[in-house]
Amino acid sequence: MELKKESHQTFVDVVLAILEGRLPWLGSRQDEPVSGEEIVDQLNDLYQSLVHERDRKERKESDSES
Protein backbone atom coordinates (compact mmCIF):
# COMPACT_ATOMS: atom_id res chain seq x y z
CA MET A 1 0.00 0.00 0.00
CA GLU A 2 1.38 3.38 -0.98
CA LEU A 3 0.67 6.50 1.00
CA LYS A 4 1.01 9.94 -0.53
CA LYS A 5 4.40 11.36 0.35
CA GLU A 6 3.63 14.90 1.39
CA SER A 7 5.56 16.99 3.86
CA HIS A 8 2.38 18.04 5.66
CA GLN A 9 0.88 14.56 5.97
CA THR A 10 -0.46 14.10 9.48
CA PHE A 11 -1.23 11.04 11.56
CA VAL A 12 -4.91 11.53 10.75
CA ASP A 13 -4.13 11.53 7.01
CA VAL A 14 -2.16 8.31 7.38
CA VAL A 15 -4.95 6.60 9.33
CA LEU A 16 -7.55 7.71 6.79
CA ALA A 17 -5.44 6.38 3.93
CA ILE A 18 -5.07 3.03 5.68
CA LEU A 19 -8.78 2.79 6.45
CA GLU A 20 -9.77 3.74 2.91
CA GLY A 21 -7.28 1.26 1.46
CA ARG A 22 -8.37 -1.68 3.58
CA LEU A 23 -12.07 -0.88 3.89
CA PRO A 24 -13.07 0.89 0.66
CA TRP A 25 -16.74 1.12 1.65
CA LEU A 26 -15.78 3.56 4.42
CA GLY A 27 -15.11 6.31 1.90
CA SER A 28 -18.30 5.61 0.00
CA ARG A 29 -20.84 8.41 0.06
CA GLN A 30 -23.62 5.89 -0.52
CA ASP A 31 -25.59 5.00 2.58
CA GLU A 32 -25.85 1.33 1.70
CA PRO A 33 -26.00 -1.05 4.64
CA VAL A 34 -22.80 -3.12 4.69
CA SER A 35 -23.73 -5.51 7.47
CA GLY A 36 -25.47 -5.48 10.80
CA GLU A 37 -22.35 -5.88 12.85
CA GLU A 38 -21.62 -3.31 15.51
CA ILE A 39 -17.99 -2.99 14.40
CA VAL A 40 -19.07 -1.54 11.06
CA ASP A 41 -20.91 1.27 12.82
CA GLN A 42 -17.93 1.90 15.07
CA LEU A 43 -15.55 2.06 12.12
CA ASN A 44 -17.86 4.46 10.29
CA ASP A 45 -17.99 6.68 13.37
CA LEU A 46 -14.20 6.59 13.65
CA TYR A 47 -13.82 7.42 9.98
CA GLN A 48 -16.18 10.39 10.22
CA SER A 49 -14.45 11.75 13.32
CA LEU A 50 -11.04 11.48 11.62
CA VAL A 51 -12.34 13.26 8.52
CA HIS A 52 -13.80 15.98 10.74
CA GLU A 53 -10.49 16.36 12.62
CA ARG A 54 -8.52 16.55 9.37
CA ASP A 55 -10.86 19.16 7.92
CA ARG A 56 -10.81 21.18 11.14
CA LYS A 57 -7.01 21.21 11.15
CA GLU A 58 -6.84 22.20 7.47
CA ARG A 59 -9.26 25.09 8.08
CA LYS A 60 -7.22 26.22 11.08
CA GLU A 61 -3.99 26.10 9.05
CA SER A 62 -5.51 28.03 6.15
CA ASP A 63 -6.89 30.65 8.53
CA SER A 64 -3.46 31.14 10.10
CA GLU A 65 -1.87 31.58 6.65
CA SER A 66 -4.27 34.40 5.77
PDB file of N, CA and C in Angstrom:
ATOM      1  N   MET A   1       0.856  -1.178   0.000  1.00  0.00           N
ATOM      2  CA  MET A   1       0.000   0.000   0.000  1.00  0.00           C
ATOM      3  C   MET A   1       0.894   1.229   0.000  1.00  0.00           C
ATOM      4  N   GLU A   2       0.607   2.158  -0.903  1.00  0.00           N
ATOM      5  CA  GLU A   2       1.377   3.378  -0.981  1.00  0.00           C
ATOM      6  C   GLU A   2       0.588   4.526  -0.380  1.00  0.00           C
ATOM      7  N   LEU A   3       1.269   5.299   0.439  1.00  0.00           N
ATOM      8  CA  LEU A   3       0.675   6.500   0.997  1.00  0.00           C
ATOM      9  C   LEU A   3       1.277   7.688   0.263  1.00  0.00           C
ATOM     10  N   LYS A   4       0.505   8.740   0.104  1.00  0.00           N
ATOM     11  CA  LYS A   4       1.013   9.940  -0.533  1.00  0.00           C
ATOM     12  C   LYS A   4       2.164  10.482   0.307  1.00  0.00           C
ATOM     13  N   LYS A   5       3.249  10.802  -0.361  1.00  0.00           N
ATOM     14  CA  LYS A   5       4.398  11.356   0.351  1.00  0.00           C
ATOM     15  C   LYS A   5       4.305  12.867   0.277  1.00  0.00           C
ATOM     16  N   GLU A   6       3.769  13.456   1.305  1.00  0.00           N
ATOM     17  CA  GLU A   6       3.634  14.897   1.386  1.00  0.00           C
ATOM     18  C   GLU A   6       4.267  15.351   2.679  1.00  0.00           C
ATOM     19  N   SER A   7       4.877  16.498   2.667  1.00  0.00           N
ATOM     20  CA  SER A   7       5.561  16.989   3.860  1.00  0.00           C
ATOM     21  C   SER A   7       4.584  17.335   4.976  1.00  0.00           C
ATOM     22  N   HIS A   8       3.346  17.635   4.639  1.00  0.00           N
ATOM     23  CA  HIS A   8       2.384  18.035   5.657  1.00  0.00           C
ATOM     24  C   HIS A   8       1.428  16.909   6.045  1.00  0.00           C
ATOM     25  N   GLN A   9       1.760  15.683   5.662  1.00  0.00           N
ATOM     26  CA  GLN A   9       0.880  14.564   5.973  1.00  0.00           C
ATOM     27  C   GLN A   9       0.874  14.322   7.483  1.00  0.00           C
ATOM     28  N   THR A  10      -0.318  14.268   8.042  1.00  0.00           N
ATOM     29  CA  THR A  10      -0.457  14.101   9.480  1.00  0.00           C
ATOM     30  C   THR A  10      -0.819  12.662   9.815  1.00  0.00           C
ATOM     31  N   PHE A  11      -0.815  12.361  11.087  1.00  0.00           N
ATOM     32  CA  PHE A  11      -1.226  11.041  11.555  1.00  0.00           C
ATOM     33  C   PHE A  11      -2.642  10.740  11.097  1.00  0.00           C
ATOM     34  N   VAL A  12      -3.519  11.718  11.168  1.00  0.00           N
ATOM     35  CA  VAL A  12      -4.907  11.534  10.752  1.00  0.00           C
ATOM     36  C   VAL A  12      -4.960  11.176   9.273  1.00  0.00           C
ATOM     37  N   ASP A  13      -4.168  11.849   8.442  1.00  0.00           N
ATOM     38  CA  ASP A  13      -4.135  11.533   7.013  1.00  0.00           C
ATOM     39  C   ASP A  13      -3.669  10.100   6.774  1.00  0.00           C
ATOM     40  N   VAL A  14      -2.676   9.669   7.528  1.00  0.00           N
ATOM     41  CA  VAL A  14      -2.159   8.312   7.379  1.00  0.00           C
ATOM     42  C   VAL A  14      -3.227   7.295   7.753  1.00  0.00           C
ATOM     43  N   VAL A  15      -3.905   7.526   8.887  1.00  0.00           N
ATOM     44  CA  VAL A  15      -4.947   6.601   9.334  1.00  0.00           C
ATOM     45  C   VAL A  15      -6.084   6.549   8.321  1.00  0.00           C
ATOM     46  N   LEU A  16      -6.496   7.693   7.803  1.00  0.00           N
ATOM     47  CA  LEU A  16      -7.554   7.714   6.791  1.00  0.00           C
ATOM     48  C   LEU A  16      -7.147   6.938   5.548  1.00  0.00           C
ATOM     49  N   ALA A  17      -5.910   7.101   5.111  1.00  0.00           N
ATOM     50  CA  ALA A  17      -5.442   6.375   3.925  1.00  0.00           C
ATOM     51  C   ALA A  17      -5.464   4.872   4.168  1.00  0.00           C
ATOM     52  N   ILE A  18      -5.059   4.452   5.348  1.00  0.00           N
ATOM     53  CA  ILE A  18      -5.067   3.026   5.679  1.00  0.00           C
ATOM     54  C   ILE A  18      -6.498   2.497   5.703  1.00  0.00           C
ATOM     55  N   LEU A  19      -7.387   3.222   6.371  1.00  0.00           N
ATOM     56  CA  LEU A  19      -8.781   2.785   6.453  1.00  0.00           C
ATOM     57  C   LEU A  19      -9.419   2.714   5.070  1.00  0.00           C
ATOM     58  N   GLU A  20      -9.193   3.730   4.250  1.00  0.00           N
ATOM     59  CA  GLU A  20      -9.773   3.738   2.907  1.00  0.00           C
ATOM     60  C   GLU A  20      -9.189   2.629   2.037  1.00  0.00           C
ATOM     61  N   GLY A  21      -7.910   2.316   2.236  1.00  0.00           N
ATOM     62  CA  GLY A  21      -7.280   1.258   1.463  1.00  0.00           C
ATOM     63  C   GLY A  21      -7.773  -0.129   1.836  1.00  0.00           C
ATOM     64  N   ARG A  22      -7.962  -0.354   3.119  1.00  0.00           N
ATOM     65  CA  ARG A  22      -8.370  -1.684   3.584  1.00  0.00           C
ATOM     66  C   ARG A  22      -9.879  -1.884   3.598  1.00  0.00           C
ATOM     67  N   LEU A  23     -10.613  -0.810   3.797  1.00  0.00           N
ATOM     68  CA  LEU A  23     -12.072  -0.885   3.890  1.00  0.00           C
ATOM     69  C   LEU A  23     -12.672   0.156   2.950  1.00  0.00           C
ATOM     70  N   PRO A  24     -12.668  -0.122   1.640  1.00  0.00           N
ATOM     71  CA  PRO A  24     -13.072   0.894   0.665  1.00  0.00           C
ATOM     72  C   PRO A  24     -14.491   1.413   0.840  1.00  0.00           C
ATOM     73  N   TRP A  25     -15.374   0.656   1.448  1.00  0.00           N
ATOM     74  CA  TRP A  25     -16.742   1.121   1.646  1.00  0.00           C
ATOM     75  C   TRP A  25     -16.810   2.258   2.648  1.00  0.00           C
ATOM     76  N   LEU A  26     -15.767   2.460   3.455  1.00  0.00           N
ATOM     77  CA  LEU A  26     -15.782   3.563   4.417  1.00  0.00           C
ATOM     78  C   LEU A  26     -15.835   4.911   3.719  1.00  0.00           C
ATOM     79  N   GLY A  27     -15.143   5.048   2.620  1.00  0.00           N
ATOM     80  CA  GLY A  27     -15.114   6.315   1.903  1.00  0.00           C
ATOM     81  C   GLY A  27     -16.297   6.527   0.997  1.00  0.00           C
ATOM     82  N   SER A  28     -17.156   5.517   0.891  1.00  0.00           N
ATOM     83  CA  SER A  28     -18.299   5.610   0.001  1.00  0.00           C
ATOM     84  C   SER A  28     -19.310   6.611   0.543  1.00  0.00           C
ATOM     85  N   ARG A  29     -19.819   7.434  -0.335  1.00  0.00           N
ATOM     86  CA  ARG A  29     -20.840   8.411   0.060  1.00  0.00           C
ATOM     87  C   ARG A  29     -22.239   7.806  -0.003  1.00  0.00           C
ATOM     88  N   GLN A  30     -22.335   6.556  -0.436  1.00  0.00           N
ATOM     89  CA  GLN A  30     -23.624   5.888  -0.518  1.00  0.00           C
ATOM     90  C   GLN A  30     -23.952   5.316   0.854  1.00  0.00           C
ATOM     91  N   ASP A  31     -25.171   5.496   1.280  1.00  0.00           N
ATOM     92  CA  ASP A  31     -25.592   4.998   2.579  1.00  0.00           C
ATOM     93  C   ASP A  31     -26.166   3.596   2.468  1.00  0.00           C
ATOM     94  N   GLU A  32     -25.407   2.707   1.839  1.00  0.00           N
ATOM     95  CA  GLU A  32     -25.847   1.332   1.704  1.00  0.00           C
ATOM     96  C   GLU A  32     -25.464   0.564   2.961  1.00  0.00           C
ATOM     97  N   PRO A  33     -26.369  -0.241   3.482  1.00  0.00           N
ATOM     98  CA  PRO A  33     -25.999  -1.049   4.638  1.00  0.00           C
ATOM     99  C   PRO A  33     -24.956  -2.088   4.237  1.00  0.00           C
ATOM    100  N   VAL A  34     -23.868  -2.179   4.994  1.00  0.00           N
ATOM    101  CA  VAL A  34     -22.804  -3.123   4.692  1.00  0.00           C
ATOM    102  C   VAL A  34     -23.080  -4.429   5.406  1.00  0.00           C
ATOM    103  N   SER A  35     -23.349  -4.349   6.678  1.00  0.00           N
ATOM    104  CA  SER A  35     -23.728  -5.511   7.472  1.00  0.00           C
ATOM    105  C   SER A  35     -24.308  -4.998   8.780  1.00  0.00           C
ATOM    106  N   GLY A  36     -24.865  -5.887   9.549  1.00  0.00           N
ATOM    107  CA  GLY A  36     -25.473  -5.475  10.803  1.00  0.00           C
ATOM    108  C   GLY A  36     -24.526  -5.493  11.978  1.00  0.00           C
ATOM    109  N   GLU A  37     -23.276  -5.755  11.739  1.00  0.00           N
ATOM    110  CA  GLU A  37     -22.347  -5.879  12.847  1.00  0.00           C
ATOM    111  C   GLU A  37     -22.031  -4.525  13.469  1.00  0.00           C
ATOM    112  N   GLU A  38     -21.895  -4.538  14.763  1.00  0.00           N
ATOM    113  CA  GLU A  38     -21.616  -3.308  15.505  1.00  0.00           C
ATOM    114  C   GLU A  38     -20.278  -2.693  15.117  1.00  0.00           C
ATOM    115  N   ILE A  39     -19.315  -3.511  14.755  1.00  0.00           N
ATOM    116  CA  ILE A  39     -17.993  -2.993  14.402  1.00  0.00           C
ATOM    117  C   ILE A  39     -18.043  -2.090  13.180  1.00  0.00           C
ATOM    118  N   VAL A  40     -18.937  -2.372  12.255  1.00  0.00           N
ATOM    119  CA  VAL A  40     -19.069  -1.544  11.060  1.00  0.00           C
ATOM    120  C   VAL A  40     -19.497  -0.134  11.459  1.00  0.00           C
ATOM    121  N   ASP A  41     -20.460  -0.044  12.353  1.00  0.00           N
ATOM    122  CA  ASP A  41     -20.906   1.268  12.823  1.00  0.00           C
ATOM    123  C   ASP A  41     -19.784   1.999  13.544  1.00  0.00           C
ATOM    124  N   GLN A  42     -19.027   1.273  14.339  1.00  0.00           N
ATOM    125  CA  GLN A  42     -17.928   1.900  15.066  1.00  0.00           C
ATOM    126  C   GLN A  42     -16.850   2.406  14.123  1.00  0.00           C
ATOM    127  N   LEU A  43     -16.537   1.624  13.095  1.00  0.00           N
ATOM    128  CA  LEU A  43     -15.550   2.058  12.116  1.00  0.00           C
ATOM    129  C   LEU A  43     -16.039   3.271  11.332  1.00  0.00           C
ATOM    130  N   ASN A  44     -17.300   3.291  10.982  1.00  0.00           N
ATOM    131  CA  ASN A  44     -17.860   4.456  10.295  1.00  0.00           C
ATOM    132  C   ASN A  44     -17.780   5.702  11.167  1.00  0.00           C
ATOM    133  N   ASP A  45     -18.094   5.548  12.448  1.00  0.00           N
ATOM    134  CA  ASP A  45     -17.992   6.677  13.374  1.00  0.00           C
ATOM    135  C   ASP A  45     -16.555   7.166  13.487  1.00  0.00           C
ATOM    136  N   LEU A  46     -15.612   6.227  13.579  1.00  0.00           N
ATOM    137  CA  LEU A  46     -14.195   6.588  13.654  1.00  0.00           C
ATOM    138  C   LEU A  46     -13.774   7.322  12.383  1.00  0.00           C
ATOM    139  N   TYR A  47     -14.168   6.798  11.252  1.00  0.00           N
ATOM    140  CA  TYR A  47     -13.817   7.417   9.977  1.00  0.00           C
ATOM    141  C   TYR A  47     -14.333   8.859   9.919  1.00  0.00           C
ATOM    142  N   GLN A  48     -15.599   9.048  10.263  1.00  0.00           N
ATOM    143  CA  GLN A  48     -16.181  10.388  10.219  1.00  0.00           C
ATOM    144  C   GLN A  48     -15.486  11.347  11.179  1.00  0.00           C
ATOM    145  N   SER A  49     -15.124  10.873  12.369  1.00  0.00           N
ATOM    146  CA  SER A  49     -14.451  11.751  13.323  1.00  0.00           C
ATOM    147  C   SER A  49     -13.045  12.109  12.839  1.00  0.00           C
ATOM    148  N   LEU A  50     -12.362  11.169  12.165  1.00  0.00           N
ATOM    149  CA  LEU A  50     -11.042  11.476  11.620  1.00  0.00           C
ATOM    150  C   LEU A  50     -11.136  12.464  10.466  1.00  0.00           C
ATOM    151  N   VAL A  51     -12.134  12.307   9.612  1.00  0.00           N
ATOM    152  CA  VAL A  51     -12.336  13.260   8.522  1.00  0.00           C
ATOM    153  C   VAL A  51     -12.617  14.650   9.093  1.00  0.00           C
ATOM    154  N   HIS A  52     -13.466  14.704  10.104  1.00  0.00           N
ATOM    155  CA  HIS A  52     -13.797  15.975  10.737  1.00  0.00           C
ATOM    156  C   HIS A  52     -12.544  16.622  11.340  1.00  0.00           C
ATOM    157  N   GLU A  53     -11.722  15.834  12.010  1.00  0.00           N
ATOM    158  CA  GLU A  53     -10.493  16.355  12.619  1.00  0.00           C
ATOM    159  C   GLU A  53      -9.533  16.870  11.552  1.00  0.00           C
ATOM    160  N   ARG A  54      -9.391  16.117  10.456  1.00  0.00           N
ATOM    161  CA  ARG A  54      -8.521  16.548   9.367  1.00  0.00           C
ATOM    162  C   ARG A  54      -9.002  17.862   8.772  1.00  0.00           C
ATOM    163  N   ASP A  55     -10.301  17.944   8.513  1.00  0.00           N
ATOM    164  CA  ASP A  55     -10.860  19.158   7.918  1.00  0.00           C
ATOM    165  C   ASP A  55     -10.728  20.351   8.861  1.00  0.00           C
ATOM    166  N   ARG A  56     -10.935  20.110  10.151  1.00  0.00           N
ATOM    167  CA  ARG A  56     -10.808  21.185  11.136  1.00  0.00           C
ATOM    168  C   ARG A  56      -9.375  21.715  11.159  1.00  0.00           C
ATOM    169  N   LYS A  57      -8.402  20.802  11.132  1.00  0.00           N
ATOM    170  CA  LYS A  57      -7.007  21.211  11.150  1.00  0.00           C
ATOM    171  C   LYS A  57      -6.645  21.976   9.884  1.00  0.00           C
ATOM    172  N   GLU A  58      -7.128  21.508   8.735  1.00  0.00           N
ATOM    173  CA  GLU A  58      -6.841  22.195   7.473  1.00  0.00           C
ATOM    174  C   GLU A  58      -7.428  23.606   7.473  1.00  0.00           C
ATOM    175  N   ARG A  59      -8.649  23.756   8.005  1.00  0.00           N
ATOM    176  CA  ARG A  59      -9.257  25.089   8.084  1.00  0.00           C
ATOM    177  C   ARG A  59      -8.440  25.988   9.004  1.00  0.00           C
ATOM    178  N   LYS A  60      -8.004  25.441  10.122  1.00  0.00           N
ATOM    179  CA  LYS A  60      -7.224  26.219  11.079  1.00  0.00           C
ATOM    180  C   LYS A  60      -5.902  26.668  10.458  1.00  0.00           C
ATOM    181  N   GLU A  61      -5.243  25.762   9.701  1.00  0.00           N
ATOM    182  CA  GLU A  61      -3.989  26.104   9.045  1.00  0.00           C
ATOM    183  C   GLU A  61      -4.197  27.159   7.963  1.00  0.00           C
ATOM    184  N   SER A  62      -5.273  27.044   7.204  1.00  0.00           N
ATOM    185  CA  SER A  62      -5.511  28.026   6.147  1.00  0.00           C
ATOM    186  C   SER A  62      -5.888  29.385   6.729  1.00  0.00           C
ATOM    187  N   ASP A  63      -6.567  29.390   7.865  1.00  0.00           N
ATOM    188  CA  ASP A  63      -6.893  30.650   8.526  1.00  0.00           C
ATOM    189  C   ASP A  63      -5.640  31.337   9.049  1.00  0.00           C
ATOM    190  N   SER A  64      -4.683  30.558   9.550  1.00  0.00           N
ATOM    191  CA  SER A  64      -3.464  31.145  10.102  1.00  0.00           C
ATOM    192  C   SER A  64      -2.542  31.662   9.000  1.00  0.00           C
ATOM    193  N   GLU A  65      -2.677  31.117   7.784  1.00  0.00           N
ATOM    194  CA  GLU A  65      -1.871  31.585   6.654  1.00  0.00           C
ATOM    195  C   GLU A  65      -2.410  32.894   6.082  1.00  0.00           C
ATOM    196  N   SER A  66      -3.660  33.191   6.338  1.00  0.00           N
ATOM    197  CA  SER A  66      -4.273  34.403   5.765  1.00  0.00           C
ATOM    198  C   SER A  66      -3.862  35.641   6.500  1.00  0.00           C
TER     199      SER A  66
END
